């Protein structure tokens, strides 16, 4: 499994966990890092410096690209969310 897929599963697991209850600080940090790595996968250029308007544009474009990828790969998303659900205690089946 690629790092991207592992991070995407973690991102989905984090989203599921956050729907159930607040995510503790250390876990929230891991979730945030996984989400950033997933978005970085979709950057068209190396990331601009944090806090810059260019970085905000990159981040928005990357999020859009992630959603486009999800729409183009519904079976893969279902498989990954199934794995994520198995990682998330208390998530609905």
N, C-alpha and C. Protein backbone atom coordinates (compact mmCIF):
# COMPACT_ATOMS: atom_id res chain seq x y z
N UNK A 1 0.84 -1.17 0.00
CA UNK A 1 0.00 0.00 0.00
C UNK A 1 0.90 1.25 0.00
N UNK A 2 0.56 2.22 -0.81
CA UNK A 2 1.36 3.42 -0.89
C UNK A 2 1.14 4.33 0.32
N UNK A 3 2.07 5.24 0.53
CA UNK A 3 1.93 6.22 1.62
C UNK A 3 0.66 7.04 1.43
N UNK A 4 0.38 7.41 0.16
CA UNK A 4 -0.83 8.17 -0.13
C UNK A 4 -2.08 7.41 0.33
N UNK A 5 -2.17 6.14 0.00
CA UNK A 5 -3.35 5.35 0.39
C UNK A 5 -3.45 5.23 1.91
N UNK A 6 -2.32 5.01 2.57
CA UNK A 6 -2.32 4.91 4.03
C UNK A 6 -2.78 6.22 4.64
N UNK A 7 -2.27 7.34 4.13
CA UNK A 7 -2.69 8.65 4.65
C UNK A 7 -4.17 8.90 4.36
N UNK A 8 -4.63 8.48 3.20
CA UNK A 8 -6.03 8.67 2.87
C UNK A 8 -6.93 7.86 3.80
N UNK A 9 -6.53 6.63 4.10
CA UNK A 9 -7.30 5.81 5.05
C UNK A 9 -7.32 6.49 6.41
N UNK A 10 -6.18 6.99 6.86
CA UNK A 10 -6.12 7.68 8.14
C UNK A 10 -7.00 8.93 8.13
N UNK A 11 -6.97 9.67 7.02
CA UNK A 11 -7.84 10.85 6.88
C UNK A 11 -9.31 10.45 7.02
N UNK A 12 -9.72 9.39 6.34
CA UNK A 12 -11.11 8.93 6.45
C UNK A 12 -11.43 8.45 7.87
N UNK A 13 -10.50 7.72 8.48
CA UNK A 13 -10.72 7.26 9.86
C UNK A 13 -10.86 8.44 10.81
N UNK A 14 -10.05 9.46 10.62
CA UNK A 14 -10.13 10.66 11.46
C UNK A 14 -11.48 11.35 11.29
N UNK A 15 -11.93 11.46 10.06
CA UNK A 15 -13.23 12.10 9.82
C UNK A 15 -14.34 11.32 10.50
N UNK A 16 -14.27 9.99 10.43
CA UNK A 16 -15.29 9.17 11.09
C UNK A 16 -15.24 9.33 12.61
N UNK A 17 -14.03 9.33 13.15
CA UNK A 17 -13.88 9.49 14.60
C UNK A 17 -14.39 10.84 15.05
N UNK A 18 -14.11 11.89 14.27
CA UNK A 18 -14.54 13.24 14.63
C UNK A 18 -16.07 13.37 14.60
N UNK A 19 -16.72 12.55 13.79
CA UNK A 19 -18.19 12.57 13.77
C UNK A 19 -18.77 11.97 15.05
N UNK A 20 -17.98 11.14 15.73
CA UNK A 20 -18.45 10.46 16.94
C UNK A 20 -18.19 11.26 18.21
N UNK A 21 -17.03 11.93 18.27
CA UNK A 21 -16.62 12.64 19.48
C UNK A 21 -15.43 13.53 19.15
N UNK A 22 -15.15 14.50 20.01
CA UNK A 22 -13.94 15.30 19.79
C UNK A 22 -12.70 14.41 19.76
N UNK A 23 -11.78 14.74 18.88
CA UNK A 23 -10.55 13.96 18.74
C UNK A 23 -9.50 14.57 19.67
N UNK A 24 -8.87 13.75 20.54
CA UNK A 24 -7.85 14.28 21.46
C UNK A 24 -6.70 14.94 20.70
N UNK A 25 -6.01 15.85 21.36
CA UNK A 25 -4.98 16.68 20.75
C UNK A 25 -3.92 15.94 19.97
N UNK A 26 -3.30 14.89 20.55
CA UNK A 26 -2.23 14.19 19.84
C UNK A 26 -2.78 13.46 18.62
N UNK A 27 -3.97 12.92 18.74
CA UNK A 27 -4.61 12.25 17.62
C UNK A 27 -5.02 13.26 16.55
N UNK A 28 -5.50 14.41 17.00
CA UNK A 28 -5.88 15.47 16.05
C UNK A 28 -4.66 15.93 15.25
N UNK A 29 -3.51 15.99 15.89
CA UNK A 29 -2.29 16.39 15.19
C UNK A 29 -1.93 15.36 14.12
N UNK A 30 -2.03 14.06 14.45
CA UNK A 30 -1.76 13.01 13.45
C UNK A 30 -2.74 13.11 12.29
N UNK A 31 -3.99 13.39 12.62
CA UNK A 31 -5.01 13.52 11.58
C UNK A 31 -4.70 14.71 10.67
N UNK A 32 -4.33 15.80 11.27
CA UNK A 32 -4.00 17.00 10.50
C UNK A 32 -2.81 16.76 9.57
N UNK A 33 -1.80 16.08 10.08
CA UNK A 33 -0.62 15.77 9.25
C UNK A 33 -0.99 14.84 8.08
N UNK A 34 -1.82 13.85 8.36
CA UNK A 34 -2.25 12.94 7.28
C UNK A 34 -3.02 13.71 6.22
N UNK A 35 -3.91 14.59 6.66
CA UNK A 35 -4.69 15.39 5.71
C UNK A 35 -3.78 16.27 4.86
N UNK A 36 -2.80 16.89 5.48
CA UNK A 36 -1.86 17.73 4.73
C UNK A 36 -1.07 16.91 3.71
N UNK A 37 -0.66 15.68 4.10
CA UNK A 37 0.07 14.83 3.16
C UNK A 37 -0.83 14.42 1.99
N UNK A 38 -2.11 14.14 2.28
CA UNK A 38 -3.04 13.79 1.21
C UNK A 38 -3.18 14.97 0.25
N UNK A 39 -3.39 16.16 0.80
CA UNK A 39 -3.52 17.33 -0.08
C UNK A 39 -2.24 17.57 -0.87
N UNK A 40 -1.08 17.44 -0.24
CA UNK A 40 0.19 17.67 -0.92
C UNK A 40 0.33 16.74 -2.13
N UNK A 41 -0.23 15.55 -2.04
CA UNK A 41 -0.20 14.62 -3.16
C UNK A 41 -0.80 15.25 -4.42
N UNK A 42 -1.75 16.16 -4.23
CA UNK A 42 -2.44 16.78 -5.36
C UNK A 42 -1.90 18.16 -5.74
N UNK A 43 -0.84 18.60 -5.09
CA UNK A 43 -0.24 19.89 -5.46
C UNK A 43 0.38 19.77 -6.85
N UNK A 44 0.18 20.80 -7.67
CA UNK A 44 0.74 20.82 -9.02
C UNK A 44 2.20 21.30 -9.01
N UNK A 45 2.62 21.90 -7.91
CA UNK A 45 3.99 22.43 -7.78
C UNK A 45 4.41 22.25 -6.32
N UNK A 46 5.68 22.40 -6.02
CA UNK A 46 6.11 22.31 -4.62
C UNK A 46 5.32 23.30 -3.75
N UNK A 47 5.02 22.91 -2.52
CA UNK A 47 4.22 23.78 -1.65
C UNK A 47 4.86 25.15 -1.44
N UNK A 48 4.03 26.18 -1.55
CA UNK A 48 4.47 27.55 -1.25
C UNK A 48 4.63 27.67 0.27
N UNK A 49 5.29 28.72 0.72
CA UNK A 49 5.45 28.90 2.17
C UNK A 49 4.10 28.97 2.90
N UNK A 50 4.07 28.37 4.09
CA UNK A 50 2.88 28.40 4.94
C UNK A 50 2.41 29.84 5.14
N UNK A 51 1.10 30.03 5.16
CA UNK A 51 0.54 31.33 5.46
C UNK A 51 0.49 32.31 4.31
N UNK A 52 0.97 31.91 3.14
CA UNK A 52 0.96 32.82 2.00
C UNK A 52 -0.33 32.62 1.18
N UNK A 53 -0.73 33.66 0.44
CA UNK A 53 -1.90 33.50 -0.43
C UNK A 53 -1.71 32.37 -1.45
N UNK A 54 -0.49 32.20 -1.94
CA UNK A 54 -0.23 31.12 -2.90
C UNK A 54 -0.48 29.75 -2.25
N UNK A 55 -0.06 29.60 -1.02
CA UNK A 55 -0.29 28.32 -0.32
C UNK A 55 -1.78 28.08 -0.14
N UNK A 56 -2.52 29.13 0.17
CA UNK A 56 -3.98 29.00 0.30
C UNK A 56 -4.59 28.55 -1.03
N UNK A 57 -4.14 29.15 -2.14
CA UNK A 57 -4.64 28.74 -3.46
C UNK A 57 -4.28 27.28 -3.75
N UNK A 58 -3.04 26.92 -3.44
CA UNK A 58 -2.63 25.52 -3.64
C UNK A 58 -3.49 24.57 -2.82
N UNK A 59 -3.71 24.93 -1.58
CA UNK A 59 -4.50 24.09 -0.69
C UNK A 59 -5.93 23.91 -1.21
N UNK A 60 -6.53 25.00 -1.65
CA UNK A 60 -7.89 24.92 -2.20
C UNK A 60 -7.93 24.08 -3.47
N UNK A 61 -6.95 24.28 -4.34
CA UNK A 61 -6.89 23.49 -5.58
C UNK A 61 -6.65 22.02 -5.27
N UNK A 62 -5.82 21.74 -4.29
CA UNK A 62 -5.54 20.35 -3.92
C UNK A 62 -6.78 19.69 -3.34
N UNK A 63 -7.53 20.41 -2.51
CA UNK A 63 -8.76 19.87 -1.95
C UNK A 63 -9.74 19.55 -3.07
N UNK A 64 -9.85 20.45 -4.04
CA UNK A 64 -10.72 20.21 -5.20
C UNK A 64 -10.27 18.98 -5.98
N UNK A 65 -8.96 18.86 -6.17
CA UNK A 65 -8.42 17.71 -6.88
C UNK A 65 -8.69 16.41 -6.12
N UNK A 66 -8.59 16.45 -4.80
CA UNK A 66 -8.92 15.28 -3.99
C UNK A 66 -10.38 14.89 -4.21
N UNK A 67 -11.28 15.85 -4.16
CA UNK A 67 -12.70 15.55 -4.37
C UNK A 67 -12.95 15.02 -5.78
N UNK A 68 -12.25 15.56 -6.76
CA UNK A 68 -12.37 15.04 -8.14
C UNK A 68 -11.88 13.60 -8.20
N UNK A 69 -10.75 13.31 -7.53
CA UNK A 69 -10.22 11.95 -7.50
C UNK A 69 -11.23 11.01 -6.86
N UNK A 70 -11.82 11.45 -5.75
CA UNK A 70 -12.83 10.61 -5.08
C UNK A 70 -14.02 10.34 -6.00
N UNK A 71 -14.48 11.36 -6.72
CA UNK A 71 -15.61 11.19 -7.63
C UNK A 71 -15.28 10.24 -8.78
N UNK A 72 -14.03 10.25 -9.21
CA UNK A 72 -13.59 9.38 -10.31
C UNK A 72 -13.27 7.96 -9.86
N UNK A 73 -13.15 7.75 -8.55
CA UNK A 73 -12.75 6.44 -8.01
C UNK A 73 -13.66 5.97 -6.89
N UNK A 74 -14.98 5.89 -7.13
CA UNK A 74 -15.89 5.55 -6.03
C UNK A 74 -15.64 4.17 -5.42
N UNK A 75 -15.27 3.20 -6.24
CA UNK A 75 -14.99 1.87 -5.70
C UNK A 75 -13.79 1.87 -4.77
N UNK A 76 -12.73 2.57 -5.17
CA UNK A 76 -11.53 2.67 -4.34
C UNK A 76 -11.85 3.40 -3.04
N UNK A 77 -12.65 4.48 -3.14
CA UNK A 77 -13.04 5.23 -1.94
C UNK A 77 -13.83 4.33 -1.00
N UNK A 78 -14.75 3.53 -1.55
CA UNK A 78 -15.51 2.59 -0.70
C UNK A 78 -14.57 1.61 0.00
N UNK A 79 -13.61 1.07 -0.75
CA UNK A 79 -12.65 0.13 -0.15
C UNK A 79 -11.84 0.80 0.96
N UNK A 80 -11.37 2.01 0.70
CA UNK A 80 -10.55 2.72 1.69
C UNK A 80 -11.37 3.12 2.92
N UNK A 81 -12.61 3.53 2.71
CA UNK A 81 -13.43 3.89 3.87
C UNK A 81 -13.80 2.65 4.68
N UNK A 82 -13.95 1.50 4.01
CA UNK A 82 -14.18 0.26 4.76
C UNK A 82 -12.98 -0.05 5.66
N UNK A 83 -11.78 0.12 5.13
CA UNK A 83 -10.58 -0.10 5.95
C UNK A 83 -10.54 0.93 7.08
N UNK A 84 -10.83 2.17 6.75
CA UNK A 84 -10.82 3.24 7.76
C UNK A 84 -11.82 2.94 8.88
N UNK A 85 -12.98 2.44 8.50
CA UNK A 85 -14.00 2.10 9.49
C UNK A 85 -13.46 1.03 10.46
N UNK A 86 -12.67 0.10 9.93
CA UNK A 86 -12.13 -0.96 10.80
C UNK A 86 -11.08 -0.40 11.75
N UNK A 87 -10.49 0.75 11.42
CA UNK A 87 -9.51 1.40 12.27
C UNK A 87 -10.17 2.28 13.33
N UNK A 88 -11.47 2.57 13.17
CA UNK A 88 -12.16 3.54 14.00
C UNK A 88 -13.08 2.84 14.98
N UNK A 89 -12.74 2.87 16.24
CA UNK A 89 -13.57 2.26 17.28
C UNK A 89 -14.85 3.07 17.41
N UNK A 90 -15.99 2.38 17.41
CA UNK A 90 -17.25 3.05 17.62
C UNK A 90 -17.86 3.69 16.39
N UNK A 91 -17.22 3.55 15.24
CA UNK A 91 -17.79 4.13 14.03
C UNK A 91 -18.96 3.27 13.58
N UNK A 92 -19.96 3.89 12.98
CA UNK A 92 -21.11 3.10 12.49
C UNK A 92 -20.68 2.16 11.37
N UNK A 93 -21.28 1.00 11.32
CA UNK A 93 -20.96 0.02 10.27
C UNK A 93 -21.61 0.37 8.96
